[in-house]
Amino acid sequence: MFMKQMQIITSEMRQFKNSRMSPEQGETFCNSQYYAMQEDGLSKGWLKNFYSHMMQSNS
């Protein structure tokens, strides 16, 4: 279940990155994903780090 969500988030982040999402949109996206995944025990800091990594990679 966790890996499935990770795949979804990763693909969504790639789509956002391809559409040149602004940092504000990224923050909103992180927050919405965080609340959706809170039940899985992921920390918001972890998700933000993952988001930052996604935005920096594959440039």
PDB file of N, CA and C in Angstrom:
ATOM      1  N   MET A   1       0.840  -1.202   0.000  1.00  0.00           N
ATOM      2  CA  MET A   1       0.000   0.000   0.000  1.00  0.00           C
ATOM      3  C   MET A   1       0.876   1.254   0.000  1.00  0.00           C
ATOM      4  N   PHE A   2       1.889   1.234   0.888  1.00  0.00           N
ATOM      5  CA  PHE A   2       2.775   2.389   0.983  1.00  0.00           C
ATOM      6  C   PHE A   2       3.491   2.633  -0.342  1.00  0.00           C
ATOM      7  N   MET A   3       4.042   1.576  -0.938  1.00  0.00           N
ATOM      8  CA  MET A   3       4.770   1.740  -2.194  1.00  0.00           C
ATOM      9  C   MET A   3       3.843   2.214  -3.299  1.00  0.00           C
ATOM     10  N   LYS A   4       2.616   1.747  -3.279  1.00  0.00           N
ATOM     11  CA  LYS A   4       1.651   2.188  -4.285  1.00  0.00           C
ATOM     12  C   LYS A   4       1.448   3.699  -4.187  1.00  0.00           C
ATOM     13  N   GLN A   5       1.292   4.196  -2.977  1.00  0.00           N
ATOM     14  CA  GLN A   5       1.114   5.637  -2.787  1.00  0.00           C
ATOM     15  C   GLN A   5       2.360   6.395  -3.219  1.00  0.00           C
ATOM     16  N   MET A   6       3.527   5.822  -2.953  1.00  0.00           N
ATOM     17  CA  MET A   6       4.768   6.480  -3.353  1.00  0.00           C
ATOM     18  C   MET A   6       4.828   6.612  -4.867  1.00  0.00           C
ATOM     19  N   GLN A   7       4.407   5.583  -5.571  1.00  0.00           N
ATOM     20  CA  GLN A   7       4.417   5.635  -7.033  1.00  0.00           C
ATOM     21  C   GLN A   7       3.470   6.719  -7.534  1.00  0.00           C
ATOM     22  N   ILE A   8       2.314   6.816  -6.912  1.00  0.00           N
ATOM     23  CA  ILE A   8       1.336   7.836  -7.308  1.00  0.00           C
ATOM     24  C   ILE A   8       1.903   9.227  -7.062  1.00  0.00           C
ATOM     25  N   ILE A   9       2.469   9.434  -5.884  1.00  0.00           N
ATOM     26  CA  ILE A   9       3.025  10.743  -5.547  1.00  0.00           C
ATOM     27  C   ILE A   9       4.157  11.105  -6.482  1.00  0.00           C
ATOM     28  N   THR A  10       5.027  10.128  -6.757  1.00  0.00           N
ATOM     29  CA  THR A  10       6.167  10.389  -7.635  1.00  0.00           C
ATOM     30  C   THR A  10       5.703  10.796  -9.021  1.00  0.00           C
ATOM     31  N   SER A  11       4.728  10.086  -9.558  1.00  0.00           N
ATOM     32  CA  SER A  11       4.248  10.423 -10.903  1.00  0.00           C
ATOM     33  C   SER A  11       3.546  11.780 -10.893  1.00  0.00           C
ATOM     34  N   GLU A  12       2.806  12.079  -9.836  1.00  0.00           N
ATOM     35  CA  GLU A  12       2.143  13.381  -9.745  1.00  0.00           C
ATOM     36  C   GLU A  12       3.171  14.502  -9.654  1.00  0.00           C
ATOM     37  N   MET A  13       4.233  14.278  -8.893  1.00  0.00           N
ATOM     38  CA  MET A  13       5.267  15.299  -8.767  1.00  0.00           C
ATOM     39  C   MET A  13       5.952  15.539 -10.102  1.00  0.00           C
ATOM     40  N   ARG A  14       6.163  14.471 -10.855  1.00  0.00           N
ATOM     41  CA  ARG A  14       6.794  14.640 -12.165  1.00  0.00           C
ATOM     42  C   ARG A  14       5.897  15.468 -13.078  1.00  0.00           C
ATOM     43  N   GLN A  15       4.605  15.227 -13.021  1.00  0.00           N
ATOM     44  CA  GLN A  15       3.670  15.995 -13.844  1.00  0.00           C
ATOM     45  C   GLN A  15       3.711  17.469 -13.442  1.00  0.00           C
ATOM     46  N   PHE A  16       3.718  17.722 -12.130  1.00  0.00           N
ATOM     47  CA  PHE A  16       3.776  19.096 -11.652  1.00  0.00           C
ATOM     48  C   PHE A  16       5.070  19.753 -12.087  1.00  0.00           C
ATOM     49  N   LYS A  17       6.165  19.009 -11.977  1.00  0.00           N
ATOM     50  CA  LYS A  17       7.459  19.570 -12.344  1.00  0.00           C
ATOM     51  C   LYS A  17       7.474  19.914 -13.827  1.00  0.00           C
ATOM     52  N   ASN A  18       6.918  19.031 -14.639  1.00  0.00           N
ATOM     53  CA  ASN A  18       6.885  19.268 -16.076  1.00  0.00           C
ATOM     54  C   ASN A  18       6.045  20.489 -16.419  1.00  0.00           C
ATOM     55  N   SER A  19       5.087  20.814 -15.576  1.00  0.00           N
ATOM     56  CA  SER A  19       4.235  21.973 -15.836  1.00  0.00           C
ATOM     57  C   SER A  19       4.779  23.232 -15.151  1.00  0.00           C
ATOM     58  N   ARG A  20       6.033  23.152 -14.667  1.00  0.00           N
ATOM     59  CA  ARG A  20       6.700  24.311 -14.054  1.00  0.00           C
ATOM     60  C   ARG A  20       5.911  24.878 -12.878  1.00  0.00           C
ATOM     61  N   MET A  21       5.627  24.028 -11.935  1.00  0.00           N
ATOM     62  CA  MET A  21       4.883  24.429 -10.750  1.00  0.00           C
ATOM     63  C   MET A  21       5.685  25.432  -9.924  1.00  0.00           C
ATOM     64  N   SER A  22       5.019  26.430  -9.422  1.00  0.00           N
ATOM     65  CA  SER A  22       5.676  27.428  -8.572  1.00  0.00           C
ATOM     66  C   SER A  22       5.885  26.848  -7.169  1.00  0.00           C
ATOM     67  N   PRO A  23       6.800  27.434  -6.386  1.00  0.00           N
ATOM     68  CA  PRO A  23       7.018  26.953  -5.015  1.00  0.00           C
ATOM     69  C   PRO A  23       5.743  26.976  -4.176  1.00  0.00           C
ATOM     70  N   GLU A  24       4.896  27.987  -4.413  1.00  0.00           N
ATOM     71  CA  GLU A  24       3.641  28.062  -3.651  1.00  0.00           C
ATOM     72  C   GLU A  24       2.739  26.877  -3.998  1.00  0.00           C
ATOM     73  N   GLN A  25       2.673  26.559  -5.288  1.00  0.00           N
ATOM     74  CA  GLN A  25       1.868  25.407  -5.695  1.00  0.00           C
ATOM     75  C   GLN A  25       2.461  24.130  -5.114  1.00  0.00           C
ATOM     76  N   GLY A  26       3.777  24.080  -5.080  1.00  0.00           N
ATOM     77  CA  GLY A  26       4.448  22.911  -4.515  1.00  0.00           C
ATOM     78  C   GLY A  26       4.107  22.727  -3.053  1.00  0.00           C
ATOM     79  N   GLU A  27       4.071  23.838  -2.333  1.00  0.00           N
ATOM     80  CA  GLU A  27       3.724  23.794  -0.914  1.00  0.00           C
ATOM     81  C   GLU A  27       2.304  23.270  -0.743  1.00  0.00           C
ATOM     82  N   THR A  28       1.383  23.774  -1.552  1.00  0.00           N
ATOM     83  CA  THR A  28      -0.009  23.331  -1.488  1.00  0.00           C
ATOM     84  C   THR A  28      -0.111  21.851  -1.818  1.00  0.00           C
ATOM     85  N   PHE A  29       0.622  21.443  -2.849  1.00  0.00           N
ATOM     86  CA  PHE A  29       0.619  20.035  -3.246  1.00  0.00           C
ATOM     87  C   PHE A  29       1.148  19.161  -2.114  1.00  0.00           C
ATOM     88  N   CYS A  30       2.257  19.589  -1.500  1.00  0.00           N
ATOM     89  CA  CYS A  30       2.834  18.846  -0.382  1.00  0.00           C
ATOM     90  C   CYS A  30       1.820  18.702   0.739  1.00  0.00           C
ATOM     91  N   ASN A  31       1.170  19.803   1.065  1.00  0.00           N
ATOM     92  CA  ASN A  31       0.206  19.774   2.157  1.00  0.00           C
ATOM     93  C   ASN A  31      -0.943  18.824   1.855  1.00  0.00           C
ATOM     94  N   SER A  32      -1.467  18.865   0.641  1.00  0.00           N
ATOM     95  CA  SER A  32      -2.593  17.997   0.307  1.00  0.00           C
ATOM     96  C   SER A  32      -2.164  16.534   0.331  1.00  0.00           C
ATOM     97  N   GLN A  33      -0.965  16.236  -0.180  1.00  0.00           N
ATOM     98  CA  GLN A  33      -0.474  14.860  -0.155  1.00  0.00           C
ATOM     99  C   GLN A  33      -0.215  14.422   1.281  1.00  0.00           C
ATOM    100  N   TYR A  34       0.303  15.334   2.074  1.00  0.00           N
ATOM    101  CA  TYR A  34       0.606  15.011   3.468  1.00  0.00           C
ATOM    102  C   TYR A  34      -0.658  14.610   4.214  1.00  0.00           C
ATOM    103  N   TYR A  35      -1.713  15.397   4.050  1.00  0.00           N
ATOM    104  CA  TYR A  35      -2.947  15.071   4.753  1.00  0.00           C
ATOM    105  C   TYR A  35      -3.546  13.776   4.234  1.00  0.00           C
ATOM    106  N   ALA A  36      -3.383  13.519   2.954  1.00  0.00           N
ATOM    107  CA  ALA A  36      -3.912  12.284   2.383  1.00  0.00           C
ATOM    108  C   ALA A  36      -3.160  11.073   2.918  1.00  0.00           C
ATOM    109  N   MET A  37      -1.895  11.267   3.280  1.00  0.00           N
ATOM    110  CA  MET A  37      -1.060  10.140   3.691  1.00  0.00           C
ATOM    111  C   MET A  37      -0.798  10.088   5.187  1.00  0.00           C
ATOM    112  N   GLN A  38      -1.379  11.010   5.924  1.00  0.00           N
ATOM    113  CA  GLN A  38      -1.117  11.096   7.357  1.00  0.00           C
ATOM    114  C   GLN A  38      -1.362   9.763   8.058  1.00  0.00           C
ATOM    115  N   GLU A  39      -2.364   9.041   7.609  1.00  0.00           N
ATOM    116  CA  GLU A  39      -2.716   7.781   8.250  1.00  0.00           C
ATOM    117  C   GLU A  39      -1.608   6.751   8.110  1.00  0.00           C
ATOM    118  N   ASP A  40      -0.723   6.952   7.130  1.00  0.00           N
ATOM    119  CA  ASP A  40       0.382   6.019   6.950  1.00  0.00           C
ATOM    120  C   ASP A  40       1.577   6.377   7.827  1.00  0.00           C
ATOM    121  N   GLY A  41       1.440   7.436   8.599  1.00  0.00           N
ATOM    122  CA  GLY A  41       2.487   7.785   9.541  1.00  0.00           C
ATOM    123  C   GLY A  41       3.676   8.503   8.929  1.00  0.00           C
ATOM    124  N   LEU A  42       3.504   9.087   7.759  1.00  0.00           N
ATOM    125  CA  LEU A  42       4.607   9.836   7.159  1.00  0.00           C
ATOM    126  C   LEU A  42       4.661  11.228   7.767  1.00  0.00           C
ATOM    127  N   SER A  43       5.862  11.714   7.966  1.00  0.00           N
ATOM    128  CA  SER A  43       6.003  13.062   8.509  1.00  0.00           C
ATOM    129  C   SER A  43       5.982  14.091   7.400  1.00  0.00           C
ATOM    130  N   LYS A  44       5.526  15.267   7.724  1.00  0.00           N
ATOM    131  CA  LYS A  44       5.472  16.338   6.745  1.00  0.00           C
ATOM    132  C   LYS A  44       6.882  16.700   6.278  1.00  0.00           C
ATOM    133  N   GLY A  45       7.830  16.695   7.198  1.00  0.00           N
ATOM    134  CA  GLY A  45       9.206  16.999   6.831  1.00  0.00           C
ATOM    135  C   GLY A  45       9.739  16.012   5.809  1.00  0.00           C
ATOM    136  N   TRP A  46       9.408  14.740   6.002  1.00  0.00           N
ATOM    137  CA  TRP A  46       9.854  13.727   5.056  1.00  0.00           C
ATOM    138  C   TRP A  46       9.283  13.998   3.676  1.00  0.00           C
ATOM    139  N   LEU A  47       8.004  14.339   3.624  1.00  0.00           N
ATOM    140  CA  LEU A  47       7.360  14.581   2.332  1.00  0.00           C
ATOM    141  C   LEU A  47       7.969  15.809   1.655  1.00  0.00           C
ATOM    142  N   LYS A  48       8.256  16.844   2.428  1.00  0.00           N
ATOM    143  CA  LYS A  48       8.866  18.042   1.845  1.00  0.00           C
ATOM    144  C   LYS A  48      10.253  17.726   1.301  1.00  0.00           C
ATOM    145  N   ASN A  49      11.007  16.909   2.031  1.00  0.00           N
ATOM    146  CA  ASN A  49      12.334  16.525   1.550  1.00  0.00           C
ATOM    147  C   ASN A  49      12.219  15.745   0.256  1.00  0.00           C
ATOM    148  N   PHE A  50      11.242  14.856   0.200  1.00  0.00           N
ATOM    149  CA  PHE A  50      11.024  14.057  -1.001  1.00  0.00           C
ATOM    150  C   PHE A  50      10.644  14.963  -2.167  1.00  0.00           C
ATOM    151  N   TYR A  51       9.782  15.911  -1.902  1.00  0.00           N
ATOM    152  CA  TYR A  51       9.354  16.868  -2.928  1.00  0.00           C
ATOM    153  C   TYR A  51      10.554  17.666  -3.437  1.00  0.00           C
ATOM    154  N   SER A  52      11.369  18.164  -2.521  1.00  0.00           N
ATOM    155  CA  SER A  52      12.547  18.941  -2.914  1.00  0.00           C
ATOM    156  C   SER A  52      13.472  18.105  -3.785  1.00  0.00           C
ATOM    157  N   HIS A  53      13.649  16.858  -3.397  1.00  0.00           N
ATOM    158  CA  HIS A  53      14.508  15.958  -4.165  1.00  0.00           C
ATOM    159  C   HIS A  53      13.950  15.756  -5.570  1.00  0.00           C
ATOM    160  N   MET A  54      12.640  15.580  -5.653  1.00  0.00           N
ATOM    161  CA  MET A  54      12.004  15.377  -6.957  1.00  0.00           C
ATOM    162  C   MET A  54      12.188  16.604  -7.844  1.00  0.00           C
ATOM    163  N   MET A  55      12.082  17.793  -7.251  1.00  0.00           N
ATOM    164  CA  MET A  55      12.189  19.017  -8.030  1.00  0.00           C
ATOM    165  C   MET A  55      13.617  19.244  -8.514  1.00  0.00           C
ATOM    166  N   GLN A  56      14.597  18.737  -7.763  1.00  0.00           N
ATOM    167  CA  GLN A  56      15.994  18.951  -8.127  1.00  0.00           C
ATOM    168  C   GLN A  56      16.493  17.911  -9.113  1.00  0.00           C
ATOM    169  N   SER A  57      15.937  16.715  -9.064  1.00  0.00           N
ATOM    170  CA  SER A  57      16.422  15.651  -9.938  1.00  0.00           C
ATOM    171  C   SER A  57      15.826  15.765 -11.334  1.00  0.00           C
ATOM    172  N   ASN A  58      16.473  15.147 -12.277  1.00  0.00           N
ATOM    173  CA  ASN A  58      16.002  15.112 -13.670  1.00  0.00           C
ATOM    174  C   ASN A  58      15.818  16.499 -14.267  1.00  0.00           C
ATOM    175  N   SER A  59      16.625  17.446 -13.855  1.00  0.00           N
ATOM    176  CA  SER A  59      16.484  18.809 -14.379  1.00  0.00           C
ATOM    177  C   SER A  59      16.906  18.879 -15.833  1.00  0.00           C
TER     178      SER A  59
END
